[in-house]
Amino acid sequence: MRITRLATRQTTALHSAFTLVEVMVSVVVMSVVFAGFFVGFAQGFAQMQVARENLRATQILQQQMETIRLYTWDQINTTNFIPATYYVPFDINGTVSTVAVTNALVYTMQTTIASASMPETTYGDDHRQVTFTLTWTSGDKQRQREMTTFVSKYGLHNYYF
């Protein structure tokens, strides 16, 4: 009799399975876990793209700041010597003409040169305030970065020439 009970238990254990409710609960739990992973990765990649765009914008602005130091006072004050608006591609090796074809990211650079607003009236005519404003569209959001510097008539560039 003992052998029959043992055989019956083994046969029952071999034929038992999960119920439909247990399977459905495990499917729901796994779906939530995978959805969470997917959302986490998607948001992580989106944040990395925004960080790349911000870094490239900072590089472009810094490049313009370094370039403005090389201009003479006459060049800075010459109308249209420094373009008021121009476009820079996100890809450093790309050109704006190829960007129009591929729909890649393009930065729009606005350059403003104005008289420096200084409280001392004697210094105001010898200084210019140069502002670079960079705008671009990331996804459906408009983004903007800006850098400003002052240029002096008797500044650093006069020592080189």
N, C-alpha and C. Protein backbone atom coordinates (compact mmCIF):
# COMPACT_ATOMS: atom_id res chain seq x y z
N MET A 1 0.82 -1.18 0.00
CA MET A 1 0.00 0.00 0.00
C MET A 1 0.87 1.26 0.00
N ARG A 2 1.94 1.14 0.70
CA ARG A 2 2.84 2.27 0.75
C ARG A 2 3.44 2.54 -0.63
N ILE A 3 3.73 1.57 -1.37
CA ILE A 3 4.28 1.73 -2.71
C ILE A 3 3.24 2.37 -3.61
N THR A 4 1.99 2.05 -3.47
CA THR A 4 0.93 2.62 -4.31
C THR A 4 0.77 4.11 -4.03
N ARG A 5 0.82 4.50 -2.76
CA ARG A 5 0.70 5.93 -2.46
C ARG A 5 1.88 6.71 -3.03
N LEU A 6 3.07 6.17 -2.88
CA LEU A 6 4.24 6.82 -3.41
C LEU A 6 4.17 6.94 -4.93
N ALA A 7 3.72 5.94 -5.57
CA ALA A 7 3.58 5.97 -7.03
C ALA A 7 2.50 6.97 -7.44
N THR A 8 1.43 7.05 -6.65
CA THR A 8 0.36 8.00 -6.96
C THR A 8 0.85 9.42 -6.81
N ARG A 9 1.64 9.70 -5.76
CA ARG A 9 2.19 11.04 -5.56
C ARG A 9 3.13 11.42 -6.70
N GLN A 10 3.98 10.51 -7.10
CA GLN A 10 4.90 10.80 -8.19
C GLN A 10 4.14 11.06 -9.49
N THR A 11 3.11 10.29 -9.75
CA THR A 11 2.31 10.48 -10.96
C THR A 11 1.59 11.82 -10.91
N THR A 12 1.05 12.18 -9.74
CA THR A 12 0.35 13.45 -9.60
C THR A 12 1.34 14.61 -9.77
N ALA A 13 2.53 14.51 -9.20
CA ALA A 13 3.54 15.57 -9.30
C ALA A 13 3.99 15.76 -10.75
N LEU A 14 4.07 14.68 -11.49
CA LEU A 14 4.48 14.78 -12.89
C LEU A 14 3.41 15.45 -13.75
N HIS A 15 2.15 15.31 -13.39
CA HIS A 15 1.06 15.85 -14.20
C HIS A 15 0.54 17.20 -13.70
N SER A 16 1.07 17.68 -12.59
CA SER A 16 0.57 18.97 -12.09
C SER A 16 1.25 20.11 -12.85
N ALA A 17 0.58 21.26 -12.93
CA ALA A 17 1.10 22.43 -13.65
C ALA A 17 0.58 23.68 -12.98
N PHE A 18 0.99 24.83 -13.53
CA PHE A 18 0.51 26.10 -13.00
C PHE A 18 -0.93 26.31 -13.44
N THR A 19 -1.66 27.00 -12.60
CA THR A 19 -3.04 27.33 -12.98
C THR A 19 -3.02 28.52 -13.92
N LEU A 20 -4.13 28.77 -14.56
CA LEU A 20 -4.24 29.88 -15.49
C LEU A 20 -4.03 31.22 -14.78
N VAL A 21 -4.51 31.35 -13.57
CA VAL A 21 -4.36 32.58 -12.80
C VAL A 21 -2.88 32.83 -12.50
N GLU A 22 -2.14 31.84 -12.12
CA GLU A 22 -0.72 31.99 -11.83
C GLU A 22 0.05 32.41 -13.09
N VAL A 23 -0.28 31.82 -14.20
CA VAL A 23 0.38 32.17 -15.45
C VAL A 23 0.08 33.62 -15.82
N MET A 24 -1.17 34.04 -15.69
CA MET A 24 -1.54 35.41 -16.05
C MET A 24 -0.87 36.43 -15.13
N VAL A 25 -0.78 36.13 -13.84
CA VAL A 25 -0.11 37.03 -12.91
C VAL A 25 1.37 37.15 -13.27
N SER A 26 2.01 36.05 -13.59
CA SER A 26 3.43 36.11 -13.95
C SER A 26 3.64 36.86 -15.26
N VAL A 27 2.72 36.74 -16.21
CA VAL A 27 2.82 37.48 -17.46
C VAL A 27 2.68 38.98 -17.20
N VAL A 28 1.76 39.37 -16.35
CA VAL A 28 1.58 40.79 -16.01
C VAL A 28 2.83 41.34 -15.32
N VAL A 29 3.38 40.59 -14.38
CA VAL A 29 4.58 41.03 -13.67
C VAL A 29 5.75 41.19 -14.65
N MET A 30 5.95 40.23 -15.52
CA MET A 30 7.04 40.32 -16.49
C MET A 30 6.82 41.48 -17.47
N SER A 31 5.57 41.73 -17.85
CA SER A 31 5.27 42.85 -18.75
C SER A 31 5.63 44.18 -18.10
N VAL A 32 5.30 44.34 -16.84
CA VAL A 32 5.63 45.57 -16.12
C VAL A 32 7.15 45.73 -16.01
N VAL A 33 7.86 44.66 -15.73
CA VAL A 33 9.31 44.73 -15.61
C VAL A 33 9.94 45.12 -16.95
N PHE A 34 9.53 44.48 -18.03
CA PHE A 34 10.10 44.80 -19.35
C PHE A 34 9.71 46.21 -19.80
N ALA A 35 8.51 46.64 -19.51
CA ALA A 35 8.10 48.00 -19.85
C ALA A 35 8.95 49.01 -19.08
N GLY A 36 9.22 48.74 -17.83
CA GLY A 36 10.08 49.62 -17.04
C GLY A 36 11.49 49.71 -17.60
N PHE A 37 12.05 48.57 -18.00
CA PHE A 37 13.37 48.58 -18.63
C PHE A 37 13.35 49.38 -19.93
N PHE A 38 12.33 49.19 -20.73
CA PHE A 38 12.24 49.88 -22.01
C PHE A 38 12.14 51.39 -21.80
N VAL A 39 11.29 51.82 -20.90
CA VAL A 39 11.13 53.26 -20.63
C VAL A 39 12.43 53.83 -20.06
N GLY A 40 13.09 53.10 -19.17
CA GLY A 40 14.35 53.56 -18.60
C GLY A 40 15.43 53.74 -19.66
N PHE A 41 15.56 52.78 -20.55
CA PHE A 41 16.56 52.90 -21.62
C PHE A 41 16.21 54.03 -22.57
N ALA A 42 14.94 54.16 -22.93
CA ALA A 42 14.54 55.22 -23.86
C ALA A 42 14.82 56.60 -23.27
N GLN A 43 14.50 56.80 -22.00
CA GLN A 43 14.78 58.09 -21.36
C GLN A 43 16.28 58.33 -21.21
N GLY A 44 17.02 57.29 -20.94
CA GLY A 44 18.47 57.42 -20.84
C GLY A 44 19.10 57.85 -22.16
N PHE A 45 18.67 57.22 -23.26
CA PHE A 45 19.19 57.61 -24.57
C PHE A 45 18.77 59.02 -24.95
N ALA A 46 17.56 59.42 -24.59
CA ALA A 46 17.10 60.79 -24.88
C ALA A 46 17.93 61.81 -24.10
N GLN A 47 18.23 61.52 -22.84
CA GLN A 47 19.06 62.42 -22.04
C GLN A 47 20.48 62.52 -22.59
N MET A 48 21.01 61.40 -23.07
CA MET A 48 22.34 61.42 -23.67
C MET A 48 22.36 62.28 -24.93
N GLN A 49 21.31 62.22 -25.74
CA GLN A 49 21.25 63.04 -26.95
C GLN A 49 21.20 64.52 -26.61
N VAL A 50 20.41 64.88 -25.61
CA VAL A 50 20.34 66.29 -25.18
C VAL A 50 21.71 66.74 -24.65
N ALA A 51 22.39 65.88 -23.92
CA ALA A 51 23.72 66.24 -23.41
C ALA A 51 24.70 66.43 -24.56
N ARG A 52 24.62 65.59 -25.59
CA ARG A 52 25.49 65.75 -26.76
C ARG A 52 25.22 67.07 -27.47
N GLU A 53 23.94 67.40 -27.63
CA GLU A 53 23.57 68.65 -28.29
C GLU A 53 24.06 69.86 -27.50
N ASN A 54 23.91 69.81 -26.18
CA ASN A 54 24.38 70.92 -25.34
C ASN A 54 25.90 71.06 -25.40
N LEU A 55 26.60 69.94 -25.40
CA LEU A 55 28.06 69.98 -25.48
C LEU A 55 28.50 70.56 -26.82
N ARG A 56 27.87 70.14 -27.91
CA ARG A 56 28.23 70.68 -29.23
C ARG A 56 27.92 72.18 -29.29
N ALA A 57 26.80 72.61 -28.70
CA ALA A 57 26.46 74.03 -28.68
C ALA A 57 27.52 74.82 -27.91
N THR A 58 27.98 74.29 -26.81
CA THR A 58 29.02 74.96 -26.04
C THR A 58 30.32 75.03 -26.82
N GLN A 59 30.64 73.97 -27.56
CA GLN A 59 31.85 73.99 -28.39
C GLN A 59 31.76 75.07 -29.47
N ILE A 60 30.62 75.19 -30.10
CA ILE A 60 30.44 76.20 -31.15
C ILE A 60 30.57 77.61 -30.57
N LEU A 61 29.93 77.84 -29.44
CA LEU A 61 30.01 79.16 -28.80
C LEU A 61 31.43 79.49 -28.35
N GLN A 62 32.11 78.49 -27.80
CA GLN A 62 33.49 78.70 -27.36
C GLN A 62 34.39 78.99 -28.56
N GLN A 63 34.16 78.30 -29.66
CA GLN A 63 34.92 78.56 -30.87
C GLN A 63 34.73 80.00 -31.34
N GLN A 64 33.51 80.50 -31.29
CA GLN A 64 33.25 81.88 -31.68
C GLN A 64 33.90 82.87 -30.72
N MET A 65 33.90 82.55 -29.45
CA MET A 65 34.55 83.42 -28.47
C MET A 65 36.05 83.51 -28.74
N GLU A 66 36.65 82.39 -29.09
CA GLU A 66 38.09 82.41 -29.39
C GLU A 66 38.37 83.13 -30.70
N THR A 67 37.47 83.01 -31.66
CA THR A 67 37.65 83.66 -32.95
C THR A 67 37.53 85.17 -32.83
N ILE A 68 36.61 85.64 -32.02
CA ILE A 68 36.38 87.09 -31.88
C ILE A 68 37.62 87.79 -31.32
N ARG A 69 38.42 87.06 -30.58
CA ARG A 69 39.64 87.65 -30.02
C ARG A 69 40.67 87.98 -31.11
N LEU A 70 40.55 87.32 -32.26
CA LEU A 70 41.53 87.53 -33.33
C LEU A 70 41.18 88.68 -34.25
N TYR A 71 39.98 89.22 -34.15
CA TYR A 71 39.57 90.32 -35.01
C TYR A 71 40.11 91.64 -34.47
N THR A 72 40.40 92.53 -35.39
CA THR A 72 40.84 93.87 -34.98
C THR A 72 39.61 94.72 -34.68
N TRP A 73 39.87 95.87 -34.09
CA TRP A 73 38.78 96.80 -33.75
C TRP A 73 38.03 97.23 -35.00
N ASP A 74 38.76 97.50 -36.08
CA ASP A 74 38.12 97.92 -37.33
C ASP A 74 37.27 96.81 -37.92
N GLN A 75 37.73 95.57 -37.84
CA GLN A 75 36.95 94.45 -38.37
C GLN A 75 35.66 94.26 -37.58
N ILE A 76 35.73 94.40 -36.29
CA ILE A 76 34.53 94.23 -35.46
C ILE A 76 33.52 95.33 -35.76
N ASN A 77 33.99 96.52 -36.04
CA ASN A 77 33.09 97.64 -36.31
C ASN A 77 32.67 97.75 -37.77
N THR A 78 33.22 96.93 -38.65
CA THR A 78 32.82 96.94 -40.05
C THR A 78 31.51 96.19 -40.21
N THR A 79 30.53 96.82 -40.82
CA THR A 79 29.22 96.20 -41.01
C THR A 79 29.34 94.96 -41.88
N ASN A 80 28.72 93.89 -41.44
CA ASN A 80 28.66 92.59 -42.13
C ASN A 80 30.01 91.90 -42.29
N PHE A 81 31.05 92.36 -41.62
CA PHE A 81 32.32 91.62 -41.65
C PHE A 81 32.14 90.30 -40.91
N ILE A 82 31.48 90.39 -39.76
CA ILE A 82 31.09 89.18 -39.02
C ILE A 82 29.63 88.94 -39.36
N PRO A 83 29.30 87.79 -39.96
CA PRO A 83 27.91 87.57 -40.37
C PRO A 83 26.95 87.60 -39.18
N ALA A 84 25.80 88.21 -39.38
CA ALA A 84 24.80 88.32 -38.30
C ALA A 84 24.14 86.97 -38.03
N THR A 85 23.93 86.19 -39.08
CA THR A 85 23.30 84.88 -38.94
C THR A 85 24.02 83.87 -39.82
N TYR A 86 24.30 82.73 -39.25
CA TYR A 86 24.80 81.62 -40.06
C TYR A 86 24.46 80.31 -39.37
N TYR A 87 24.68 79.22 -40.09
CA TYR A 87 24.23 77.90 -39.65
C TYR A 87 25.42 76.97 -39.48
N VAL A 88 25.36 76.16 -38.43
CA VAL A 88 26.43 75.22 -38.12
C VAL A 88 25.80 73.85 -37.95
N PRO A 89 26.29 72.81 -38.64
CA PRO A 89 25.71 71.47 -38.47
C PRO A 89 26.15 70.84 -37.15
N PHE A 90 25.33 69.92 -36.67
CA PHE A 90 25.67 69.18 -35.45
C PHE A 90 26.90 68.33 -35.68
N ASP A 91 26.95 67.65 -36.83
CA ASP A 91 28.09 66.82 -37.17
C ASP A 91 29.24 67.71 -37.59
N ILE A 92 30.36 67.60 -36.92
CA ILE A 92 31.49 68.49 -37.17
C ILE A 92 32.03 68.31 -38.59
N ASN A 93 31.84 67.15 -39.19
CA ASN A 93 32.32 66.91 -40.56
C ASN A 93 31.27 67.22 -41.61
N GLY A 94 30.05 67.52 -41.18
CA GLY A 94 28.97 67.78 -42.12
C GLY A 94 28.97 69.20 -42.62
N THR A 95 28.17 69.43 -43.65
CA THR A 95 27.97 70.78 -44.17
C THR A 95 26.48 71.07 -44.11
N VAL A 96 26.14 72.33 -44.15
CA VAL A 96 24.73 72.72 -44.05
C VAL A 96 23.96 72.23 -45.28
N SER A 97 24.60 72.18 -46.45
CA SER A 97 23.90 71.73 -47.65
C SER A 97 23.54 70.25 -47.56
N THR A 98 24.40 69.41 -46.97
CA THR A 98 24.06 68.00 -46.81
C THR A 98 23.06 67.79 -45.69
N VAL A 99 23.05 68.69 -44.72
CA VAL A 99 22.11 68.59 -43.61
C VAL A 99 20.68 68.78 -44.10
N ALA A 100 20.48 69.67 -45.06
CA ALA A 100 19.14 69.91 -45.59
C ALA A 100 18.59 68.65 -46.24
N VAL A 101 19.46 67.84 -46.80
CA VAL A 101 19.02 66.60 -47.45
C VAL A 101 18.71 65.53 -46.41
N THR A 102 19.52 65.44 -45.37
CA THR A 102 19.38 64.35 -44.40
C THR A 102 18.52 64.69 -43.20
N ASN A 103 18.04 65.92 -43.08
CA ASN A 103 17.23 66.34 -41.93
C ASN A 103 17.97 66.22 -40.60
N ALA A 104 19.27 66.43 -40.63
CA ALA A 104 20.07 66.36 -39.41
C ALA A 104 19.94 67.68 -38.63
N LEU A 105 20.47 67.67 -37.45
CA LEU A 105 20.38 68.83 -36.56
C LEU A 105 21.28 69.96 -37.05
N VAL A 106 20.73 71.18 -37.07
CA VAL A 106 21.48 72.38 -37.47
C VAL A 106 21.30 73.44 -36.40
N TYR A 107 22.40 74.06 -36.03
CA TYR A 107 22.37 75.17 -35.08
C TYR A 107 22.31 76.48 -35.85
N THR A 108 21.52 77.42 -35.36
CA THR A 108 21.45 78.75 -35.96
C THR A 108 22.16 79.73 -35.03
N MET A 109 23.20 80.38 -35.56
CA MET A 109 24.01 81.31 -34.78
C MET A 109 23.62 82.74 -35.13
N GLN A 110 23.24 83.51 -34.10
CA GLN A 110 22.95 84.94 -34.25
C GLN A 110 24.07 85.71 -33.55
N THR A 111 24.66 86.66 -34.26
CA THR A 111 25.73 87.49 -33.70
C THR A 111 25.22 88.92 -33.57
N THR A 112 25.35 89.46 -32.37
CA THR A 112 24.94 90.84 -32.12
C THR A 112 26.14 91.62 -31.59
N ILE A 113 26.46 92.71 -32.26
CA ILE A 113 27.54 93.59 -31.81
C ILE A 113 26.92 94.94 -31.50
N ALA A 114 27.06 95.36 -30.25
CA ALA A 114 26.44 96.61 -29.81
C ALA A 114 27.43 97.40 -28.96
N SER A 115 27.14 98.65 -28.79
CA SER A 115 27.95 99.47 -27.89
C SER A 115 27.83 98.92 -26.48
N ALA A 116 28.94 98.91 -25.79
CA ALA A 116 28.93 98.39 -24.43
C ALA A 116 28.25 99.38 -23.50
N SER A 117 27.36 98.87 -22.68
CA SER A 117 26.68 99.75 -21.72
C SER A 117 27.49 99.75 -20.43
N MET A 118 28.29 100.77 -20.29
CA MET A 118 29.16 100.91 -19.12
C MET A 118 28.79 102.19 -18.39
N PRO A 119 28.85 102.16 -17.08
CA PRO A 119 28.48 103.36 -16.34
C PRO A 119 29.44 104.52 -16.59
N GLU A 120 30.70 104.22 -16.84
CA GLU A 120 31.66 105.28 -17.13
C GLU A 120 31.51 105.66 -18.59
N THR A 121 31.12 106.87 -18.86
CA THR A 121 30.88 107.30 -20.24
C THR A 121 32.15 107.39 -21.06
N THR A 122 33.28 107.55 -20.43
CA THR A 122 34.53 107.68 -21.19
C THR A 122 34.96 106.34 -21.79
N TYR A 123 34.55 105.23 -21.20
CA TYR A 123 34.95 103.93 -21.71
C TYR A 123 33.95 103.32 -22.68
N GLY A 124 32.76 103.80 -22.71
CA GLY A 124 31.70 103.19 -23.51
C GLY A 124 31.98 103.17 -25.00
N ASP A 125 32.59 104.22 -25.53
CA ASP A 125 32.86 104.28 -26.97
C ASP A 125 34.02 103.38 -27.39
N ASP A 126 34.83 102.99 -26.44
CA ASP A 126 36.00 102.15 -26.76
C ASP A 126 35.74 100.67 -26.52
N HIS A 127 34.50 100.30 -26.29
CA HIS A 127 34.16 98.90 -26.03
C HIS A 127 32.94 98.49 -26.83
N ARG A 128 32.89 97.23 -27.21
CA ARG A 128 31.73 96.65 -27.87
C ARG A 128 31.33 95.39 -27.11
N GLN A 129 30.05 95.19 -27.03
CA GLN A 129 29.52 93.97 -26.43
C GLN A 129 29.11 93.04 -27.56
N VAL A 130 29.73 91.88 -27.60
CA VAL A 130 29.46 90.88 -28.64
C VAL A 130 28.71 89.73 -28.00
N THR A 131 27.53 89.42 -28.56
CA THR A 131 26.70 88.34 -28.03
C THR A 131 26.45 87.32 -29.13
N PHE A 132 26.74 86.07 -28.82
CA PHE A 132 26.45 84.95 -29.72
C PHE A 132 25.28 84.17 -29.14
N THR A 133 24.23 84.02 -29.93
CA THR A 133 23.05 83.27 -29.50
C THR A 133 22.89 82.08 -30.43
N LEU A 134 22.84 80.91 -29.86
CA LEU A 134 22.74 79.67 -30.63
C LEU A 134 21.38 79.04 -30.35
N THR A 135 20.60 78.77 -31.38
CA THR A 135 19.30 78.11 -31.21
C THR A 135 19.25 76.87 -32.09
N TRP A 136 18.50 75.89 -31.61
CA TRP A 136 18.29 74.67 -32.37
C TRP A 136 17.04 73.98 -31.87
N THR A 137 16.51 73.10 -32.69
CA THR A 137 15.31 72.35 -32.33
C THR A 137 15.71 70.91 -32.04
N SER A 138 15.40 70.48 -30.84
CA SER A 138 15.70 69.11 -30.41
C SER A 138 14.38 68.39 -30.18
N GLY A 139 14.05 67.49 -31.10
CA GLY A 139 12.74 66.85 -31.03
C GLY A 139 11.68 67.88 -31.34
N ASP A 140 10.83 68.18 -30.37
CA ASP A 140 9.81 69.22 -30.56
C ASP A 140 10.08 70.44 -29.68
N LYS A 141 11.26 70.50 -29.06
CA LYS A 141 11.59 71.61 -28.18
C LYS A 141 12.62 72.54 -28.81
N GLN A 142 12.39 73.83 -28.66
CA GLN A 142 13.34 74.83 -29.11
C GLN A 142 14.33 75.09 -27.98
N ARG A 143 15.61 74.98 -28.27
CA ARG A 143 16.64 75.18 -27.26
C ARG A 143 17.52 76.37 -27.64
N GLN A 144 18.14 76.99 -26.62
CA GLN A 144 18.95 78.18 -26.88
C GLN A 144 20.07 78.28 -25.86
N ARG A 145 21.24 78.68 -26.33
CA ARG A 145 22.38 78.97 -25.48
C ARG A 145 22.96 80.31 -25.93
N GLU A 146 23.62 81.01 -25.01
CA GLU A 146 24.11 82.34 -25.34
C GLU A 146 25.40 82.62 -24.57
N MET A 147 26.34 83.29 -25.24
CA MET A 147 27.57 83.75 -24.60
C MET A 147 27.80 85.20 -25.00
N THR A 148 28.32 85.98 -24.06
CA THR A 148 28.57 87.40 -24.28
C THR A 148 29.98 87.73 -23.83
N THR A 149 30.61 88.61 -24.58
CA THR A 149 31.94 89.09 -24.21
C THR A 149 32.05 90.57 -24.57
N PHE A 150 33.07 91.21 -24.04
CA PHE A 150 33.36 92.60 -24.36
C PHE A 150 34.66 92.65 -25.15
N VAL A 151 34.70 93.54 -26.11
CA VAL A 151 35.91 93.76 -26.90
C VAL A 151 36.32 95.21 -26.69
N SER A 152 37.59 95.40 -26.42
CA SER A 152 38.12 96.74 -26.17
C SER A 152 38.89 97.24 -27.38
N LYS A 153 38.79 98.52 -27.63
CA LYS A 153 39.52 99.13 -28.75
C LYS A 153 41.02 98.96 -28.57
N TYR A 154 41.47 99.04 -27.34
CA TYR A 154 42.89 98.88 -27.06
C TYR A 154 43.16 97.56 -26.37
N GLY A 155 42.55 96.52 -26.91
CA GLY A 155 42.60 95.21 -26.27
C GLY A 155 43.81 94.39 -26.66
N LEU A 156 43.73 93.11 -26.43
CA LEU A 156 44.84 92.17 -26.60
C LEU A 156 45.31 92.08 -28.04
N HIS A 157 44.40 92.16 -28.99
CA HIS A 157 44.80 91.96 -30.39
C HIS A 157 45.75 93.04 -30.89
N ASN A 158 45.73 94.21 -30.31
CA ASN A 158 46.63 95.28 -30.76
C ASN A 158 48.08 94.98 -30.41
N TYR A 159 48.31 94.11 -29.44
CA TYR A 159 49.68 93.77 -29.08
C TYR A 159 50.30 92.82 -30.10
N TYR A 160 49.49 92.10 -30.84
CA TYR A 160 50.01 91.16 -31.82
C TYR A 160 50.34 91.83 -33.14
N PHE A 161 49.72 92.95 -33.45
CA PHE A 161 49.89 93.57 -34.76
C PHE A 161 50.84 94.73 -34.69
